[in-house]
Amino acid sequence: MNSYRLWVATHPFLSAAIQFGLLGTLGELCAASLKARRPILPCTPLQLLFKGLAWALLGLVIKAGFVGMKGFTRALLEHRLLPACLASGIGWAFSLSTLTNLFFGPQMMLFHRLEDNLILRRRGFDGMMPAIRTLVWFWIPAHTLTFSLPAEFQVGLAALWSLALGIILGLTSSRG
């Protein structure tokens, strides 16, 4: 565990890119396979490689977003624009998660859709509203737990949540 902490602390952007590149892509593979009820590739192998790179880029965006949203949340607290009970503990984690997912989440999801559209040569934003809704029912609770942990574990857990959400979405779409 100490090796992981040291790696993340020493290489925050590289570690974010690798974790999201691997786990986000794996989440897409799981979702597609669960939906089809058999192991499949959701795209060509070359497109899958580009999707992995897109997830890695998203990891960089998320790392920067987490740092920026912590500063934003602290500033709101310092200016007494949020209740003082949100300054520490679970209140801090919940306020940071809520603000991150409401102010940063939708733009990040749209950016990721643009990446996907470029890779898959698609147009449009079909399915974005269900994706945006995950910010409330999945990401706010998930990131409340994420932001309860020490900083060096937060991006890694966020990447694991991407894998978990892929599995959840794959299981629910395979039933429908």
Protein backbone atom coordinates (compact mmCIF):
# COMPACT_ATOMS: atom_id res chain seq x y z
CA MET A 1 0.00 0.00 0.00
CA ASN A 2 2.88 2.36 0.75
CA SER A 3 4.29 1.77 -2.75
CA TYR A 4 0.95 2.78 -4.25
CA ARG A 5 0.77 5.91 -2.07
CA LEU A 6 4.32 6.87 -3.04
CA TRP A 7 3.64 6.27 -6.76
CA VAL A 8 0.49 8.42 -6.68
CA ALA A 9 2.17 11.18 -4.67
CA THR A 10 5.25 11.20 -6.91
CA HIS A 11 3.39 10.91 -10.23
CA PRO A 12 -0.12 12.32 -9.70
CA PHE A 13 -0.98 12.85 -13.37
CA LEU A 14 0.69 9.72 -14.73
CA SER A 15 -0.98 7.57 -12.07
CA ALA A 16 -4.38 9.17 -12.81
CA ALA A 17 -3.96 8.54 -16.54
CA ILE A 18 -2.92 4.91 -16.08
CA GLN A 19 -5.65 4.10 -13.55
CA PHE A 20 -8.42 5.64 -15.63
CA GLY A 21 -7.00 4.32 -18.89
CA LEU A 22 -7.12 0.77 -17.59
CA LEU A 23 -10.17 0.76 -15.32
CA GLY A 24 -12.40 3.03 -17.43
CA THR A 25 -11.73 0.93 -20.52
CA LEU A 26 -12.31 -2.26 -18.54
CA GLY A 27 -15.64 -0.79 -17.38
CA GLU A 28 -16.70 -0.27 -20.99
CA LEU A 29 -15.70 -3.83 -21.88
CA CYS A 30 -17.66 -5.19 -18.91
CA ALA A 31 -20.73 -3.09 -19.71
CA ALA A 32 -20.77 -4.20 -23.37
CA SER A 33 -20.18 -7.86 -22.48
CA LEU A 34 -22.83 -7.89 -19.76
CA LYS A 35 -25.31 -6.18 -22.06
CA ALA A 36 -24.64 -8.75 -24.81
CA ARG A 37 -24.52 -11.57 -22.22
CA ARG A 38 -21.24 -12.78 -23.70
CA PRO A 39 -17.69 -11.41 -23.94
CA ILE A 40 -17.47 -8.88 -26.77
CA LEU A 41 -15.48 -5.87 -27.89
CA PRO A 42 -17.72 -2.79 -28.08
CA CYS A 43 -15.68 -1.51 -31.05
CA THR A 44 -12.67 -2.39 -33.18
CA PRO A 45 -9.37 -3.13 -31.40
CA LEU A 46 -7.88 0.14 -32.70
CA GLN A 47 -10.89 2.09 -31.45
CA LEU A 48 -10.52 0.32 -28.10
CA LEU A 49 -6.91 1.47 -27.91
CA PHE A 50 -8.04 5.04 -28.61
CA LYS A 51 -10.80 4.67 -26.00
CA GLY A 52 -8.11 3.67 -23.48
CA LEU A 53 -6.16 6.81 -24.37
CA ALA A 54 -9.36 8.87 -24.07
CA TRP A 55 -9.94 7.42 -20.60
CA ALA A 56 -6.32 8.26 -19.72
CA LEU A 57 -6.88 11.86 -20.83
CA LEU A 58 -10.06 11.91 -18.79
CA GLY A 59 -7.97 10.78 -15.80
CA LEU A 60 -5.84 13.90 -16.21
CA VAL A 61 -8.95 16.08 -16.40
CA ILE A 62 -10.42 14.41 -13.30
CA LYS A 63 -7.19 14.78 -11.32
CA ALA A 64 -7.08 18.50 -12.11
CA GLY A 65 -10.82 18.80 -11.46
CA PHE A 66 -10.55 17.18 -8.03
CA VAL A 67 -7.78 19.60 -7.02
CA GLY A 68 -9.65 22.61 -8.41
CA MET A 69 -12.97 21.68 -6.83
CA LYS A 70 -11.30 21.33 -3.42
CA GLY A 71 -10.08 24.91 -3.75
CA PHE A 72 -13.50 26.06 -4.93
CA THR A 73 -15.26 24.34 -2.02
CA ARG A 74 -12.76 25.78 0.50
CA ALA A 75 -13.31 29.26 -0.94
CA LEU A 76 -17.07 28.95 -0.54
CA LEU A 77 -16.59 27.87 3.07
CA GLU A 78 -14.12 30.69 3.79
CA HIS A 79 -16.59 33.24 2.43
CA ARG A 80 -19.34 31.64 4.52
CA LEU A 81 -21.35 30.71 1.44
CA LEU A 82 -21.68 27.16 2.75
CA PRO A 83 -22.60 26.15 6.30
CA ALA A 84 -19.61 25.61 8.63
CA CYS A 85 -20.78 22.03 9.33
CA LEU A 86 -19.60 21.17 5.80
CA ALA A 87 -15.99 22.14 6.56
CA SER A 88 -14.81 18.76 7.83
CA GLY A 89 -15.49 15.05 8.02
CA ILE A 90 -18.44 13.62 6.15
CA GLY A 91 -19.86 17.14 5.65
CA TRP A 92 -16.70 18.11 3.73
CA ALA A 93 -16.80 14.92 1.68
CA PHE A 94 -20.49 15.39 0.86
CA SER A 95 -20.19 19.08 -0.03
CA LEU A 96 -17.11 18.45 -2.18
CA SER A 97 -18.80 15.53 -3.91
CA THR A 98 -22.00 17.46 -4.54
CA LEU A 99 -20.25 20.55 -5.90
CA THR A 100 -17.85 18.47 -7.99
CA ASN A 101 -20.65 16.46 -9.57
CA LEU A 102 -22.97 19.41 -10.17
CA PHE A 103 -20.42 21.95 -11.44
CA PHE A 104 -17.71 19.75 -12.96
CA GLY A 105 -19.47 16.46 -13.74
CA PRO A 106 -21.72 17.49 -16.65
CA GLN A 107 -18.90 19.21 -18.57
CA MET A 108 -16.59 16.25 -17.98
CA MET A 109 -19.27 13.86 -19.28
CA LEU A 110 -19.83 15.98 -22.38
CA PHE A 111 -16.07 16.08 -22.99
CA HIS A 112 -15.95 12.29 -22.70
CA ARG A 113 -18.86 11.95 -25.14
CA LEU A 114 -17.01 14.18 -27.62
CA GLU A 115 -13.97 11.91 -27.29
CA ASP A 116 -16.14 8.85 -27.88
CA ASN A 117 -17.86 10.44 -30.86
CA LEU A 118 -14.50 11.25 -32.46
CA ILE A 119 -13.18 7.73 -31.87
CA LEU A 120 -16.34 5.94 -33.05
CA ARG A 121 -17.09 8.48 -35.83
CA ARG A 122 -20.51 9.21 -34.40
CA ARG A 123 -22.52 12.36 -33.97
CA GLY A 124 -24.96 13.45 -31.37
CA PHE A 125 -25.51 13.13 -27.70
CA ASP A 126 -28.06 10.32 -27.43
CA GLY A 127 -28.14 8.84 -23.96
CA MET A 128 -26.62 11.86 -22.23
CA MET A 129 -29.56 12.46 -19.88
CA PRO A 130 -29.31 9.02 -18.26
CA ALA A 131 -25.55 9.61 -17.97
CA ILE A 132 -26.14 13.01 -16.35
CA ARG A 133 -28.62 11.40 -13.92
CA THR A 134 -25.84 9.09 -12.68
CA LEU A 135 -24.28 12.19 -11.16
CA VAL A 136 -27.08 12.21 -8.57
CA TRP A 137 -27.85 8.54 -7.91
CA PHE A 138 -24.32 7.16 -8.29
CA TRP A 139 -21.53 9.72 -8.38
CA ILE A 140 -22.53 11.99 -5.46
CA PRO A 141 -22.78 9.05 -3.02
CA ALA A 142 -19.70 7.34 -4.52
CA HIS A 143 -17.56 10.45 -4.36
CA THR A 144 -18.74 11.23 -0.84
CA LEU A 145 -16.95 8.02 0.10
CA THR A 146 -14.07 8.89 -2.24
CA PHE A 147 -13.50 12.29 -0.63
CA SER A 148 -13.64 10.72 2.84
CA LEU A 149 -10.35 8.97 2.04
CA PRO A 150 -6.82 10.43 2.04
CA ALA A 151 -6.08 12.36 -1.16
CA GLU A 152 -3.70 9.75 -2.58
CA PHE A 153 -6.52 7.20 -2.77
CA GLN A 154 -9.18 9.46 -4.30
CA VAL A 155 -8.34 9.27 -8.01
CA GLY A 156 -7.77 5.51 -7.82
CA LEU A 157 -11.13 4.96 -6.16
CA ALA A 158 -12.80 7.24 -8.73
CA ALA A 159 -11.31 5.03 -11.47
CA LEU A 160 -12.63 1.94 -9.67
CA TRP A 161 -16.06 3.59 -9.48
CA SER A 162 -15.94 3.96 -13.29
CA LEU A 163 -15.44 0.22 -13.55
CA ALA A 164 -18.23 -0.40 -11.01
CA LEU A 165 -20.63 1.86 -12.90
CA GLY A 166 -19.82 0.03 -16.15
CA ILE A 167 -20.74 -3.24 -14.47
CA ILE A 168 -23.94 -1.78 -12.98
CA LEU A 169 -25.02 -0.33 -16.32
CA GLY A 170 -24.16 -3.55 -18.12
CA LEU A 171 -26.19 -5.61 -15.66
CA THR A 172 -29.21 -3.30 -15.79
CA SER A 173 -29.22 -3.09 -19.60
CA SER A 174 -28.86 -6.86 -19.94
CA ARG A 175 -32.09 -7.27 -17.95
CA GLY A 176 -34.03 -4.73 -20.01
